[in-house]
């Protein structure tokens, strides 16, 4: 069974048909740059470009970098234009895609669902936290395999700063940090999250998951097991398709 997944990020919009039996992309993904300003209409055009690239005519799952309720309503927009707040994304994107059925889900929640079903979180019980490091820091919190949606742990305050402003991949680039310097910030952030939630497992996702060998062994002093996401930066696309297939 194939369903289309789209992952909207602060820097790019990427998507592809997903083979839900294998938990992998059925074709090589298409990516376009996130427009600036990233208004709802401009981003919707980007989503349409990605979907039209494949001539897709079925259900579409779409991730969004912010709080999403009821598979539709946008409640926060940290790394895209603020005009997204209170937008009915399901209606907007469905109209732009010519009436295709659309399901919208928080981006990190989608990645987490995919990793728990097909990737690094399989067979893990207890508390599992996936963290995506990109333009910001996304989070997906699971308790005994059940998602607690819209956790948004990247916005925790850490040493007087919003955590994602200091420990995201963008922060690494903006501050020209070495991998060792960035890992030091990530370690402090993980220690703070661990103090609050005592997870058994951290899954590190986002683009940096492809380069986990450069920093994972520097995350000392964390009691929880720390592993890279197995689906790497495709987890959001796969999770979006899974949500669209379930209609939730």
Protein backbone atom coordinates (compact mmCIF):
# COMPACT_ATOMS: atom_id res chain seq x y z
CA UNK A 1 0.00 0.00 0.00
CA UNK A 2 1.30 3.44 -0.97
CA UNK A 3 0.31 6.81 0.51
CA UNK A 4 1.93 10.18 -0.17
CA UNK A 5 3.84 11.95 2.59
CA UNK A 6 5.03 15.57 2.69
CA UNK A 7 7.35 17.05 5.32
CA UNK A 8 7.21 20.84 5.68
CA UNK A 9 10.36 22.23 7.30
CA UNK A 10 11.80 25.63 7.99
CA UNK A 11 14.24 25.29 5.09
CA UNK A 12 12.68 22.75 2.73
CA UNK A 13 9.47 20.98 1.70
CA UNK A 14 10.05 17.36 0.71
CA UNK A 15 7.78 14.47 -0.16
CA UNK A 16 7.34 11.14 -1.90
CA UNK A 17 5.00 8.17 -2.13
CA UNK A 18 5.59 5.85 0.81
CA UNK A 19 5.44 2.05 0.84
CA UNK A 20 3.61 1.46 4.11
CA UNK A 21 4.40 -2.25 4.11
CA UNK A 22 8.14 -1.53 4.19
CA UNK A 23 8.12 1.84 5.96
CA UNK A 24 10.26 3.40 3.25
CA UNK A 25 9.98 5.75 0.31
CA UNK A 26 8.60 4.09 -2.80
CA UNK A 27 10.37 6.61 -5.05
CA UNK A 28 13.18 9.11 -4.61
CA UNK A 29 11.83 12.13 -2.80
CA UNK A 30 11.26 15.55 -4.36
CA UNK A 31 12.38 18.64 -2.43
CA UNK A 32 11.76 22.36 -2.93
CA UNK A 33 12.96 25.25 -0.80
CA UNK A 34 10.57 26.63 1.80
CA UNK A 35 9.49 30.06 0.51
CA UNK A 36 10.33 33.24 2.40
CA UNK A 37 8.12 34.57 3.76
CA UNK A 38 6.67 31.14 4.51
CA UNK A 39 3.02 32.22 4.44
CA UNK A 40 0.25 29.60 4.21
CA UNK A 41 -0.42 30.34 0.52
CA UNK A 42 3.26 30.27 -0.43
CA UNK A 43 3.93 27.02 1.44
CA UNK A 44 0.78 25.46 -0.01
CA UNK A 45 2.16 26.22 -3.48
CA UNK A 46 5.35 24.38 -2.51
CA UNK A 47 3.40 21.37 -1.28
CA UNK A 48 1.44 21.32 -4.55
CA UNK A 49 4.70 21.41 -6.53
CA UNK A 50 6.03 18.39 -4.65
CA UNK A 51 2.80 16.38 -4.99
CA UNK A 52 2.33 17.31 -8.67
CA UNK A 53 5.90 16.16 -9.40
CA UNK A 54 4.65 12.58 -8.94
CA UNK A 55 1.21 13.05 -10.50
CA UNK A 56 -0.27 11.83 -7.21
CA UNK A 57 -4.08 11.64 -6.94
CA UNK A 58 -4.70 9.89 -3.61
CA UNK A 59 -4.60 10.75 0.10
CA UNK A 60 -1.77 12.97 1.34
CA UNK A 61 -0.26 13.25 4.80
CA UNK A 62 1.52 16.51 5.61
CA UNK A 63 3.74 17.42 8.55
CA UNK A 64 3.87 20.92 10.00
CA UNK A 65 6.54 22.44 12.30
CA UNK A 66 4.22 23.47 15.11
CA UNK A 67 1.28 22.37 17.20
CA UNK A 68 -1.48 20.74 15.13
CA UNK A 69 -4.86 19.78 16.59
CA UNK A 70 -7.60 17.60 15.07
CA UNK A 71 -5.38 16.76 12.09
CA UNK A 72 -6.07 20.22 10.75
CA UNK A 73 -5.75 23.35 12.92
CA UNK A 74 -2.40 25.10 13.32
CA UNK A 75 -1.91 26.49 16.83
CA UNK A 76 1.76 27.58 16.81
CA UNK A 77 4.31 28.47 14.15
CA UNK A 78 7.82 28.87 15.55
CA UNK A 79 9.94 28.47 12.40
CA UNK A 80 7.49 29.50 9.69
CA UNK A 81 5.42 32.64 9.17
CA UNK A 82 3.19 33.53 12.13
CA UNK A 83 0.19 33.94 9.81
CA UNK A 84 -0.13 30.12 9.97
CA UNK A 85 -1.60 30.36 13.49
CA UNK A 86 -5.33 29.47 13.46
CA UNK A 87 -5.15 28.32 9.83
CA UNK A 88 -7.15 25.24 8.90
CA UNK A 89 -4.30 23.52 7.08
CA UNK A 90 -6.38 20.54 5.98
CA UNK A 91 -8.82 22.81 4.13
CA UNK A 92 -6.09 25.04 2.72
CA UNK A 93 -3.95 22.19 1.41
CA UNK A 94 -6.90 20.09 0.29
CA UNK A 95 -8.18 22.98 -1.83
CA UNK A 96 -4.71 23.64 -3.26
CA UNK A 97 -4.35 19.95 -4.16
CA UNK A 98 -7.64 19.89 -6.05
CA UNK A 99 -9.71 18.25 -3.35
CA UNK A 100 -7.36 15.41 -2.39
CA UNK A 101 -7.93 14.15 1.18
CA UNK A 102 -5.28 15.69 3.45
CA UNK A 103 -4.23 14.90 7.02
CA UNK A 104 -1.90 17.26 8.89
CA UNK A 105 0.31 16.27 11.83
CA UNK A 106 3.10 17.84 13.89
CA UNK A 107 6.41 17.14 12.14
CA UNK A 108 8.26 15.54 15.05
CA UNK A 109 5.19 13.50 16.03
CA UNK A 110 5.11 12.10 12.49
CA UNK A 111 8.81 11.23 12.62
CA UNK A 112 8.31 9.61 16.02
CA UNK A 113 5.40 7.47 14.85
CA UNK A 114 7.51 6.22 11.96
CA UNK A 115 10.52 5.45 14.17
CA UNK A 116 8.38 3.64 16.75
CA UNK A 117 6.77 1.45 14.10
CA UNK A 118 9.58 0.89 11.60
CA UNK A 119 12.79 2.23 13.13
CA UNK A 120 14.82 2.74 16.27
CA UNK A 121 11.84 2.67 18.65
CA UNK A 122 10.47 -0.73 17.66
CA UNK A 123 9.77 -3.03 20.61
CA UNK A 124 10.66 -0.31 23.15
CA UNK A 125 8.28 0.22 26.05
CA UNK A 126 8.39 2.78 28.82
CA UNK A 127 9.11 6.42 27.96
CA UNK A 128 10.75 7.10 24.59
CA UNK A 129 11.56 10.58 23.29
CA UNK A 130 12.47 11.34 19.70
CA UNK A 131 14.17 14.70 19.14
CA UNK A 132 14.59 16.16 15.66
CA UNK A 133 17.44 18.64 15.28
CA UNK A 134 16.99 20.97 12.32
CA UNK A 135 15.82 24.57 11.94
CA UNK A 136 14.48 24.10 15.46
CA UNK A 137 14.19 21.13 17.83
CA UNK A 138 11.08 19.00 17.47
CA UNK A 139 10.01 16.31 19.92
CA UNK A 140 7.80 13.25 20.03
CA UNK A 141 6.98 11.74 23.43
CA UNK A 142 5.79 8.13 23.75
CA UNK A 143 4.69 6.25 26.86
CA UNK A 144 4.44 2.49 26.33
CA UNK A 145 4.18 3.08 22.59
CA UNK A 146 1.39 5.68 22.84
CA UNK A 147 2.09 9.15 21.46
CA UNK A 148 1.54 12.20 23.68
CA UNK A 149 1.04 14.71 20.85
CA UNK A 150 2.48 18.19 20.40
CA UNK A 151 5.05 18.01 23.21
CA UNK A 152 7.21 20.79 21.66
CA UNK A 153 10.16 20.21 24.00
CA UNK A 154 12.43 22.35 21.83
CA UNK A 155 10.84 25.39 23.47
CA UNK A 156 11.96 24.47 26.97
CA UNK A 157 14.04 27.19 28.62
CA UNK A 158 17.63 26.20 29.19
CA UNK A 159 20.05 28.56 30.98
CA UNK A 160 17.87 31.55 30.14
CA UNK A 161 17.44 30.70 26.45
CA UNK A 162 14.92 28.74 24.42
CA UNK A 163 16.62 25.38 23.92
CA UNK A 164 16.25 25.28 20.14
CA UNK A 165 17.94 28.69 19.83
CA UNK A 166 21.13 27.16 21.28
CA UNK A 167 21.11 23.47 20.38
CA UNK A 168 19.36 23.08 17.01
CA UNK A 169 21.25 22.34 13.79
CA UNK A 170 20.60 25.92 12.72
CA UNK A 171 22.21 27.16 15.95
CA UNK A 172 25.29 25.07 15.11
CA UNK A 173 25.51 26.76 11.72
CA UNK A 174 24.61 30.27 12.91
CA UNK A 175 27.21 30.19 15.69
CA UNK A 176 29.80 28.31 13.59
CA UNK A 177 30.12 25.62 16.26
CA UNK A 178 32.37 22.60 15.95
CA UNK A 179 30.74 19.20 16.43
CA UNK A 180 32.32 19.05 19.90
CA UNK A 181 30.99 22.49 20.87
CA UNK A 182 27.53 21.68 19.56
CA UNK A 183 27.49 18.27 21.30
CA UNK A 184 28.24 20.05 24.59
CA UNK A 185 25.07 22.13 24.15
CA UNK A 186 23.02 19.09 23.11
CA UNK A 187 24.26 17.15 26.15
CA UNK A 188 23.05 19.93 28.48
CA UNK A 189 19.70 19.94 26.72
CA UNK A 190 19.31 16.15 26.95
CA UNK A 191 20.22 16.26 30.65
CA UNK A 192 17.44 18.82 31.20
CA UNK A 193 14.87 16.75 29.30
CA UNK A 194 16.00 13.62 31.14
CA UNK A 195 15.53 15.34 34.49
CA UNK A 196 11.92 16.15 33.54
CA UNK A 197 10.83 12.87 31.89
CA UNK A 198 13.32 10.09 32.79
CA UNK A 199 13.08 8.35 29.39
CA UNK A 200 14.54 4.93 28.74
CA UNK A 201 15.48 5.93 25.19
CA UNK A 202 16.36 9.09 23.24
CA UNK A 203 16.13 8.84 19.44
CA UNK A 204 18.07 11.57 17.63
CA UNK A 205 16.43 12.52 14.34
CA UNK A 206 16.56 15.23 11.71
CA UNK A 207 19.33 15.81 9.23
CA UNK A 208 22.06 15.33 11.86
CA UNK A 209 21.05 11.68 12.27
CA UNK A 210 23.08 10.98 9.12
CA UNK A 211 26.19 12.27 10.93
CA UNK A 212 25.61 10.73 14.35
CA UNK A 213 29.15 9.32 14.38
CA UNK A 214 30.44 12.89 14.74
CA UNK A 215 28.72 13.66 18.03
CA UNK A 216 26.87 10.73 19.61
CA UNK A 217 29.87 9.45 21.58
CA UNK A 218 30.32 12.93 23.09
CA UNK A 219 26.93 12.94 24.84
CA UNK A 220 28.32 11.85 28.20
CA UNK A 221 26.45 11.58 31.48
CA UNK A 222 23.02 10.74 30.08
CA UNK A 223 21.43 7.69 31.73
CA UNK A 224 19.03 6.92 28.88
CA UNK A 225 20.17 5.02 25.81
CA UNK A 226 20.80 7.39 22.88
CA UNK A 227 20.48 6.13 19.29
CA UNK A 228 20.19 7.77 15.85
CA UNK A 229 16.92 7.60 13.95
CA UNK A 230 17.01 4.66 11.55
CA UNK A 231 14.78 6.35 8.97
CA UNK A 232 16.98 9.43 9.28
CA UNK A 233 15.52 12.52 7.62
CA UNK A 234 12.80 10.53 5.81
CA UNK A 235 11.01 9.70 9.06
CA UNK A 236 8.67 12.69 8.77
CA UNK A 237 7.57 11.73 5.27
CA UNK A 238 6.91 8.13 6.33
CA UNK A 239 5.04 9.21 9.47
CA UNK A 240 2.90 11.68 7.53
CA UNK A 241 1.86 8.91 5.15
CA UNK A 242 1.09 6.61 8.10
CA UNK A 243 -1.19 9.25 9.61
CA UNK A 244 -2.95 9.81 6.29
CA UNK A 245 -3.52 6.06 5.97
CA UNK A 246 -5.05 5.90 9.44
CA UNK A 247 -7.13 9.02 8.80
CA UNK A 248 -5.91 10.56 12.08
